[in-house]
């Protein structure tokens, strides 16, 4: 049970953050759930700025982990139970970077490591991690993902 695994790891999910525009946090189509872009919002730590200038690589990693927790909160609200997830398929991570910062995969590992820590092998996924000149509201990380649901 994923809820038991979260408790075992001492992980509390943050409150679900409402979308910042005219869209929904995720959409289920058949056995696939598409989660729209999430940032590190709702948790106890606040993150803002560019990784490589305002934030260190380690700060960026923590922001990506917080973003993953926000995604799991949205999935819990939508699905009712994270055990409905069969496996994570694709993560697309965007990092708000200072010029010259090119360690975006190490930042997005914050989310990827969380998914594997919680879901084990089912948390492994394909991934893209790209640097962006700006992200909404000056967040350092935005992540979207696709997961497959149990039949």
N, C-alpha and C. Protein backbone atom coordinates (compact mmCIF):
# COMPACT_ATOMS: atom_id res chain seq x y z
N UNK A 1 0.85 -1.18 0.00
CA UNK A 1 0.00 0.00 0.00
C UNK A 1 0.90 1.25 0.00
N UNK A 2 0.60 2.13 -0.93
CA UNK A 2 1.41 3.34 -1.06
C UNK A 2 1.23 4.26 0.14
N UNK A 3 0.03 4.34 0.68
CA UNK A 3 -0.19 5.17 1.87
C UNK A 3 0.69 4.71 3.03
N UNK A 4 0.82 3.40 3.19
CA UNK A 4 1.69 2.85 4.23
C UNK A 4 3.15 3.16 3.95
N UNK A 5 3.54 3.09 2.68
CA UNK A 5 4.92 3.40 2.30
C UNK A 5 5.24 4.86 2.60
N UNK A 6 4.31 5.77 2.28
CA UNK A 6 4.51 7.19 2.59
C UNK A 6 4.69 7.39 4.10
N UNK A 7 3.85 6.74 4.89
CA UNK A 7 3.96 6.85 6.35
C UNK A 7 5.28 6.29 6.84
N UNK A 8 5.69 5.15 6.29
CA UNK A 8 6.96 4.52 6.66
C UNK A 8 8.14 5.46 6.38
N UNK A 9 8.05 6.22 5.29
CA UNK A 9 9.10 7.16 4.91
C UNK A 9 8.98 8.50 5.64
N UNK A 10 7.90 8.67 6.41
CA UNK A 10 7.69 9.94 7.11
C UNK A 10 7.29 11.07 6.19
N UNK A 11 6.63 10.73 5.08
CA UNK A 11 6.24 11.73 4.08
C UNK A 11 4.78 12.11 4.26
N UNK A 12 4.55 13.41 4.44
CA UNK A 12 3.20 13.97 4.45
C UNK A 12 3.01 14.73 3.16
N UNK A 13 1.92 14.48 2.46
CA UNK A 13 1.64 15.21 1.23
C UNK A 13 1.12 16.60 1.56
N UNK A 14 1.50 17.60 0.76
CA UNK A 14 1.00 18.96 1.00
C UNK A 14 -0.45 19.07 0.56
N UNK A 15 -1.10 20.17 0.92
CA UNK A 15 -2.45 20.40 0.39
C UNK A 15 -2.38 20.55 -1.13
N UNK A 16 -3.46 20.19 -1.80
CA UNK A 16 -3.52 20.34 -3.25
C UNK A 16 -3.57 21.82 -3.60
N UNK A 17 -2.68 22.21 -4.49
CA UNK A 17 -2.67 23.60 -4.94
C UNK A 17 -3.62 23.75 -6.12
N UNK A 18 -4.46 24.77 -6.09
CA UNK A 18 -5.39 24.95 -7.22
C UNK A 18 -4.62 25.40 -8.46
N UNK A 19 -5.12 25.08 -9.65
CA UNK A 19 -4.47 25.54 -10.88
C UNK A 19 -4.39 27.07 -10.91
N UNK A 20 -3.36 27.57 -11.58
CA UNK A 20 -3.14 29.02 -11.66
C UNK A 20 -3.82 29.64 -12.86
N UNK A 21 -4.64 28.88 -13.56
CA UNK A 21 -5.32 29.39 -14.76
C UNK A 21 -6.52 28.53 -15.08
N UNK A 22 -6.95 28.59 -16.32
CA UNK A 22 -8.15 27.89 -16.76
C UNK A 22 -7.80 26.48 -17.24
N UNK A 23 -7.47 25.61 -16.30
CA UNK A 23 -7.12 24.23 -16.59
C UNK A 23 -7.32 23.41 -15.32
N UNK A 24 -7.17 22.09 -15.44
CA UNK A 24 -7.28 21.20 -14.29
C UNK A 24 -5.92 20.59 -13.99
N UNK A 25 -5.73 20.12 -12.78
CA UNK A 25 -4.45 19.57 -12.36
C UNK A 25 -4.07 18.28 -13.05
N UNK A 26 -5.07 17.44 -13.36
CA UNK A 26 -4.79 16.21 -14.09
C UNK A 26 -6.07 15.73 -14.77
N UNK A 27 -5.86 14.88 -15.77
CA UNK A 27 -6.97 14.32 -16.53
C UNK A 27 -6.71 12.83 -16.72
N UNK A 28 -7.75 12.04 -16.46
CA UNK A 28 -7.67 10.59 -16.68
C UNK A 28 -8.35 10.28 -18.00
N UNK A 29 -7.63 9.58 -18.87
CA UNK A 29 -8.18 9.11 -20.14
C UNK A 29 -7.90 7.61 -20.20
N UNK A 30 -8.96 6.84 -20.18
CA UNK A 30 -8.84 5.38 -20.15
C UNK A 30 -7.96 4.98 -18.95
N UNK A 31 -6.83 4.34 -19.20
CA UNK A 31 -5.96 3.91 -18.09
C UNK A 31 -4.73 4.79 -17.95
N UNK A 32 -4.80 5.99 -18.48
CA UNK A 32 -3.67 6.90 -18.43
C UNK A 32 -4.07 8.18 -17.70
N UNK A 33 -3.21 8.65 -16.81
CA UNK A 33 -3.44 9.92 -16.14
C UNK A 33 -2.34 10.88 -16.59
N UNK A 34 -2.77 12.04 -17.05
CA UNK A 34 -1.87 13.11 -17.48
C UNK A 34 -1.91 14.18 -16.41
N UNK A 35 -0.76 14.47 -15.81
CA UNK A 35 -0.68 15.50 -14.76
C UNK A 35 -0.03 16.73 -15.38
N UNK A 36 -0.74 17.85 -15.31
CA UNK A 36 -0.22 19.11 -15.84
C UNK A 36 0.90 19.65 -14.98
N UNK A 37 1.52 20.72 -15.47
CA UNK A 37 2.66 21.31 -14.79
C UNK A 37 2.39 21.70 -13.35
N UNK A 38 3.23 21.21 -12.46
CA UNK A 38 3.18 21.53 -11.03
C UNK A 38 4.49 22.17 -10.62
N UNK A 39 4.44 23.00 -9.60
CA UNK A 39 5.64 23.58 -9.03
C UNK A 39 5.75 23.22 -7.56
N UNK A 40 6.80 23.69 -6.91
CA UNK A 40 7.03 23.36 -5.49
C UNK A 40 6.21 24.25 -4.57
N UNK A 41 4.89 24.10 -4.67
CA UNK A 41 3.97 24.98 -3.94
C UNK A 41 3.15 24.15 -2.97
N UNK A 42 2.93 24.66 -1.78
CA UNK A 42 2.07 23.99 -0.82
C UNK A 42 2.80 23.33 0.33
N UNK A 43 4.08 23.10 0.16
CA UNK A 43 4.85 22.47 1.23
C UNK A 43 5.41 23.49 2.20
N UNK A 44 6.14 23.03 3.19
CA UNK A 44 6.67 23.94 4.22
C UNK A 44 7.79 24.85 3.72
N UNK A 45 8.54 24.39 2.70
CA UNK A 45 9.65 25.19 2.19
C UNK A 45 9.19 26.04 1.01
N UNK A 46 9.72 27.24 0.92
CA UNK A 46 9.39 28.14 -0.19
C UNK A 46 10.59 28.23 -1.11
N UNK A 47 10.35 28.12 -2.41
CA UNK A 47 11.42 28.19 -3.40
C UNK A 47 11.07 29.23 -4.45
N UNK A 48 12.05 30.05 -4.81
CA UNK A 48 11.86 31.02 -5.88
C UNK A 48 13.21 31.35 -6.49
N UNK A 49 13.20 31.61 -7.78
CA UNK A 49 14.40 32.06 -8.46
C UNK A 49 15.01 31.04 -9.38
N UNK A 50 16.18 31.40 -9.87
CA UNK A 50 16.89 30.59 -10.86
C UNK A 50 17.92 29.68 -10.19
N UNK A 51 17.91 28.42 -10.62
CA UNK A 51 18.92 27.49 -10.15
C UNK A 51 20.24 27.88 -10.84
N UNK A 52 21.28 27.98 -10.06
CA UNK A 52 22.57 28.39 -10.58
C UNK A 52 22.87 29.85 -10.32
N UNK A 53 21.89 30.58 -9.77
CA UNK A 53 22.11 31.98 -9.38
C UNK A 53 21.51 32.20 -7.99
N UNK A 54 20.18 32.17 -7.91
CA UNK A 54 19.48 32.38 -6.63
C UNK A 54 19.47 31.12 -5.77
N UNK A 55 19.51 29.96 -6.43
CA UNK A 55 19.41 28.67 -5.74
C UNK A 55 20.56 27.78 -6.17
N UNK A 56 21.02 26.94 -5.25
CA UNK A 56 22.05 25.96 -5.57
C UNK A 56 21.42 24.75 -6.25
N UNK A 57 22.27 23.88 -6.75
CA UNK A 57 21.80 22.61 -7.30
C UNK A 57 21.01 21.84 -6.25
N UNK A 58 21.49 21.83 -5.01
CA UNK A 58 20.81 21.12 -3.93
C UNK A 58 19.44 21.73 -3.64
N UNK A 59 19.35 23.06 -3.68
CA UNK A 59 18.05 23.72 -3.51
C UNK A 59 17.10 23.30 -4.62
N UNK A 60 17.62 23.27 -5.84
CA UNK A 60 16.81 22.86 -6.99
C UNK A 60 16.31 21.43 -6.84
N UNK A 61 17.18 20.54 -6.37
CA UNK A 61 16.80 19.15 -6.13
C UNK A 61 15.64 19.09 -5.12
N UNK A 62 15.76 19.84 -4.02
CA UNK A 62 14.70 19.86 -3.01
C UNK A 62 13.41 20.45 -3.58
N UNK A 63 13.52 21.44 -4.45
CA UNK A 63 12.34 22.03 -5.10
C UNK A 63 11.67 21.00 -6.01
N UNK A 64 12.47 20.20 -6.72
CA UNK A 64 11.91 19.16 -7.58
C UNK A 64 11.23 18.08 -6.75
N UNK A 65 11.82 17.74 -5.61
CA UNK A 65 11.19 16.76 -4.72
C UNK A 65 9.86 17.31 -4.19
N UNK A 66 9.84 18.58 -3.79
CA UNK A 66 8.61 19.21 -3.31
C UNK A 66 7.57 19.23 -4.43
N UNK A 67 8.00 19.43 -5.65
CA UNK A 67 7.09 19.40 -6.80
C UNK A 67 6.50 18.00 -6.96
N UNK A 68 7.33 16.99 -6.81
CA UNK A 68 6.84 15.61 -6.86
C UNK A 68 5.79 15.34 -5.79
N UNK A 69 6.00 15.87 -4.60
CA UNK A 69 5.01 15.71 -3.53
C UNK A 69 3.70 16.40 -3.88
N UNK A 70 3.80 17.57 -4.50
CA UNK A 70 2.60 18.28 -4.94
C UNK A 70 1.84 17.46 -5.99
N UNK A 71 2.58 16.84 -6.89
CA UNK A 71 1.96 15.97 -7.91
C UNK A 71 1.27 14.79 -7.24
N UNK A 72 1.92 14.16 -6.27
CA UNK A 72 1.29 13.03 -5.58
C UNK A 72 0.03 13.46 -4.83
N UNK A 73 0.02 14.68 -4.29
CA UNK A 73 -1.19 15.19 -3.63
C UNK A 73 -2.33 15.34 -4.64
N UNK A 74 -2.01 15.88 -5.82
CA UNK A 74 -3.03 16.02 -6.86
C UNK A 74 -3.54 14.66 -7.31
N UNK A 75 -2.64 13.70 -7.49
CA UNK A 75 -3.05 12.36 -7.89
C UNK A 75 -3.93 11.70 -6.83
N UNK A 76 -3.59 11.90 -5.56
CA UNK A 76 -4.42 11.34 -4.48
C UNK A 76 -5.82 11.93 -4.53
N UNK A 77 -5.91 13.24 -4.72
CA UNK A 77 -7.23 13.90 -4.79
C UNK A 77 -8.03 13.41 -5.99
N UNK A 78 -7.38 13.19 -7.11
CA UNK A 78 -8.07 12.76 -8.33
C UNK A 78 -8.43 11.28 -8.29
N UNK A 79 -7.50 10.44 -7.86
CA UNK A 79 -7.69 8.99 -7.93
C UNK A 79 -8.28 8.39 -6.67
N UNK A 80 -8.14 9.09 -5.54
CA UNK A 80 -8.62 8.57 -4.27
C UNK A 80 -7.63 7.64 -3.60
N UNK A 81 -6.77 7.01 -4.38
CA UNK A 81 -5.84 6.01 -3.84
C UNK A 81 -4.66 5.89 -4.80
N UNK A 82 -3.46 6.14 -4.31
CA UNK A 82 -2.28 6.04 -5.16
C UNK A 82 -1.97 4.61 -5.59
N UNK A 83 -2.60 3.62 -4.95
CA UNK A 83 -2.41 2.24 -5.36
C UNK A 83 -3.04 1.96 -6.73
N UNK A 84 -3.83 2.89 -7.24
CA UNK A 84 -4.40 2.74 -8.58
C UNK A 84 -3.34 2.92 -9.66
N UNK A 85 -2.18 3.48 -9.28
CA UNK A 85 -1.12 3.70 -10.27
C UNK A 85 -0.35 2.40 -10.49
N UNK A 86 -0.31 1.97 -11.74
CA UNK A 86 0.45 0.77 -12.10
C UNK A 86 1.93 1.09 -12.28
N UNK A 87 2.19 2.21 -12.98
CA UNK A 87 3.58 2.64 -13.16
C UNK A 87 3.60 4.06 -13.72
N UNK A 88 4.71 4.73 -13.44
CA UNK A 88 4.94 6.05 -14.02
C UNK A 88 5.61 5.84 -15.37
N UNK A 89 5.17 6.60 -16.36
CA UNK A 89 5.63 6.41 -17.72
C UNK A 89 6.62 7.50 -18.14
N UNK A 90 6.25 8.76 -17.94
CA UNK A 90 7.05 9.87 -18.47
C UNK A 90 7.01 11.05 -17.50
N UNK A 91 8.17 11.63 -17.25
CA UNK A 91 8.30 12.87 -16.48
C UNK A 91 8.94 13.90 -17.39
N UNK A 92 8.36 15.09 -17.41
CA UNK A 92 8.94 16.21 -18.16
C UNK A 92 9.23 17.31 -17.15
N UNK A 93 10.52 17.55 -16.92
CA UNK A 93 10.94 18.54 -15.92
C UNK A 93 11.53 19.78 -16.58
N UNK A 94 11.06 20.92 -16.15
CA UNK A 94 11.55 22.22 -16.62
C UNK A 94 12.19 22.94 -15.44
N UNK A 95 13.39 23.44 -15.64
CA UNK A 95 14.13 24.09 -14.56
C UNK A 95 14.41 25.53 -14.96
N UNK A 96 14.08 26.45 -14.10
CA UNK A 96 14.34 27.89 -14.28
C UNK A 96 15.83 28.09 -14.00
N UNK A 97 16.62 28.30 -15.05
CA UNK A 97 18.08 28.28 -14.90
C UNK A 97 18.72 29.63 -15.17
N UNK A 98 19.83 29.86 -14.48
CA UNK A 98 20.70 31.00 -14.76
C UNK A 98 21.51 30.65 -16.01
N UNK A 99 21.96 31.66 -16.75
CA UNK A 99 22.80 31.38 -17.92
C UNK A 99 24.00 30.51 -17.53
N UNK A 100 24.23 29.48 -18.34
CA UNK A 100 25.36 28.59 -18.10
C UNK A 100 25.06 27.39 -17.23
N UNK A 101 23.92 27.37 -16.52
CA UNK A 101 23.60 26.21 -15.68
C UNK A 101 23.07 25.10 -16.57
N UNK A 102 23.74 23.94 -16.56
CA UNK A 102 23.34 22.85 -17.44
C UNK A 102 23.17 21.51 -16.70
N UNK A 103 22.93 21.57 -15.42
CA UNK A 103 22.79 20.34 -14.62
C UNK A 103 21.31 20.03 -14.35
N UNK A 104 20.46 20.34 -15.33
CA UNK A 104 19.02 20.13 -15.14
C UNK A 104 18.65 18.69 -14.79
N UNK A 105 19.31 17.66 -15.36
CA UNK A 105 18.95 16.30 -14.93
C UNK A 105 19.15 16.07 -13.43
N UNK A 106 20.20 16.63 -12.86
CA UNK A 106 20.45 16.46 -11.43
C UNK A 106 19.39 17.16 -10.58
N UNK A 107 18.84 18.24 -11.09
CA UNK A 107 17.75 18.93 -10.38
C UNK A 107 16.49 18.06 -10.41
N UNK A 108 16.10 17.62 -11.59
CA UNK A 108 14.85 16.86 -11.75
C UNK A 108 14.94 15.49 -11.08
N UNK A 109 16.17 15.03 -10.78
CA UNK A 109 16.31 13.80 -9.98
C UNK A 109 15.56 13.90 -8.66
N UNK A 110 15.36 15.10 -8.15
CA UNK A 110 14.60 15.26 -6.90
C UNK A 110 13.22 14.64 -6.99
N UNK A 111 12.56 14.81 -8.13
CA UNK A 111 11.24 14.21 -8.35
C UNK A 111 11.39 12.73 -8.69
N UNK A 112 12.31 12.40 -9.58
CA UNK A 112 12.49 11.01 -10.00
C UNK A 112 12.87 10.12 -8.82
N UNK A 113 13.79 10.58 -7.99
CA UNK A 113 14.19 9.80 -6.83
C UNK A 113 13.01 9.57 -5.89
N UNK A 114 12.17 10.59 -5.71
CA UNK A 114 10.99 10.45 -4.86
C UNK A 114 10.07 9.36 -5.40
N UNK A 115 9.79 9.38 -6.69
CA UNK A 115 8.88 8.38 -7.27
C UNK A 115 9.41 6.96 -7.09
N UNK A 116 10.70 6.77 -7.27
CA UNK A 116 11.29 5.44 -7.08
C UNK A 116 11.30 5.06 -5.61
N UNK A 117 11.58 6.02 -4.74
CA UNK A 117 11.57 5.77 -3.29
C UNK A 117 10.20 5.30 -2.82
N UNK A 118 9.15 5.91 -3.35
CA UNK A 118 7.78 5.59 -2.91
C UNK A 118 7.21 4.38 -3.64
N UNK A 119 7.41 4.31 -4.97
CA UNK A 119 6.74 3.30 -5.79
C UNK A 119 7.65 2.15 -6.21
N UNK A 120 8.93 2.20 -5.86
CA UNK A 120 9.85 1.15 -6.28
C UNK A 120 10.01 1.14 -7.78
N UNK A 121 10.11 -0.04 -8.35
CA UNK A 121 10.34 -0.18 -9.80
C UNK A 121 9.24 0.49 -10.62
N UNK A 122 8.01 0.52 -10.11
CA UNK A 122 6.90 1.18 -10.82
C UNK A 122 7.09 2.70 -10.90
N UNK A 123 8.00 3.22 -10.09
CA UNK A 123 8.29 4.65 -10.13
C UNK A 123 9.29 5.04 -11.19
N UNK A 124 9.99 4.06 -11.77
CA UNK A 124 10.96 4.36 -12.84
C UNK A 124 10.22 4.79 -14.09
N UNK A 125 10.78 5.73 -14.82
CA UNK A 125 10.07 6.35 -15.93
C UNK A 125 11.06 6.89 -16.96
N UNK A 126 10.55 7.22 -18.13
CA UNK A 126 11.35 7.97 -19.08
C UNK A 126 11.28 9.42 -18.65
N UNK A 127 12.22 10.25 -19.16
CA UNK A 127 12.24 11.62 -18.65
C UNK A 127 12.97 12.56 -19.60
N UNK A 128 12.52 13.80 -19.57
CA UNK A 128 13.24 14.92 -20.16
C UNK A 128 13.45 15.94 -19.05
N UNK A 129 14.60 16.61 -19.07
CA UNK A 129 14.91 17.65 -18.07
C UNK A 129 15.56 18.80 -18.83
N UNK A 130 14.83 19.90 -18.96
CA UNK A 130 15.31 21.01 -19.78
C UNK A 130 15.41 22.29 -18.97
N UNK A 131 16.30 23.17 -19.41
CA UNK A 131 16.45 24.47 -18.78
C UNK A 131 15.58 25.50 -19.48
N UNK A 132 14.99 26.39 -18.71
CA UNK A 132 14.12 27.45 -19.22
C UNK A 132 14.64 28.81 -18.74
N UNK A 133 14.40 29.83 -19.54
CA UNK A 133 14.80 31.19 -19.17
C UNK A 133 13.93 31.74 -18.05
N UNK A 134 12.67 31.35 -18.02
CA UNK A 134 11.71 31.80 -17.00
C UNK A 134 10.67 30.72 -16.78
N UNK A 135 10.10 30.69 -15.57
CA UNK A 135 8.95 29.86 -15.27
C UNK A 135 7.92 30.73 -14.55
N UNK A 136 6.64 30.32 -14.57
CA UNK A 136 5.60 31.13 -13.93
C UNK A 136 5.90 31.42 -12.46
N UNK A 137 5.61 32.63 -12.05
CA UNK A 137 5.71 33.04 -10.64
C UNK A 137 7.12 32.87 -10.07
N UNK A 138 8.11 32.82 -10.94
CA UNK A 138 9.51 32.68 -10.56
C UNK A 138 9.81 31.37 -9.83
N UNK A 139 8.97 30.33 -10.06
CA UNK A 139 9.27 29.02 -9.46
C UNK A 139 10.52 28.45 -10.12
N UNK A 140 11.32 27.68 -9.38
CA UNK A 140 12.55 27.13 -9.95
C UNK A 140 12.35 25.87 -10.77
N UNK A 141 11.23 25.17 -10.55
CA UNK A 141 11.00 23.89 -11.21
C UNK A 141 9.51 23.76 -11.54
N UNK A 142 9.24 23.23 -12.73
CA UNK A 142 7.88 22.85 -13.10
C UNK A 142 7.96 21.46 -13.71
N UNK A 143 7.07 20.57 -13.25
CA UNK A 143 7.11 19.18 -13.72
C UNK A 143 5.71 18.72 -14.09
N UNK A 144 5.65 18.00 -15.20
CA UNK A 144 4.42 17.31 -15.59
C UNK A 144 4.75 15.84 -15.80
N UNK A 145 3.73 14.99 -15.73
CA UNK A 145 4.02 13.57 -15.92
C UNK A 145 2.82 12.81 -16.45
N UNK A 146 3.11 11.59 -16.87
CA UNK A 146 2.09 10.66 -17.35
C UNK A 146 2.29 9.36 -16.59
N UNK A 147 1.18 8.78 -16.13
CA UNK A 147 1.23 7.50 -15.42
C UNK A 147 0.15 6.58 -15.97
N UNK A 148 0.39 5.29 -15.85
CA UNK A 148 -0.54 4.25 -16.28
C UNK A 148 -1.28 3.74 -15.05
N UNK A 149 -2.60 3.59 -15.19
CA UNK A 149 -3.43 3.10 -14.08
C UNK A 149 -3.66 1.60 -14.22
N UNK A 150 -3.92 0.97 -13.10
CA UNK A 150 -4.24 -0.46 -13.10
C UNK A 150 -5.57 -0.68 -13.83
N UNK A 151 -5.66 -1.83 -14.46
CA UNK A 151 -6.88 -2.16 -15.21
C UNK A 151 -7.95 -2.60 -14.31
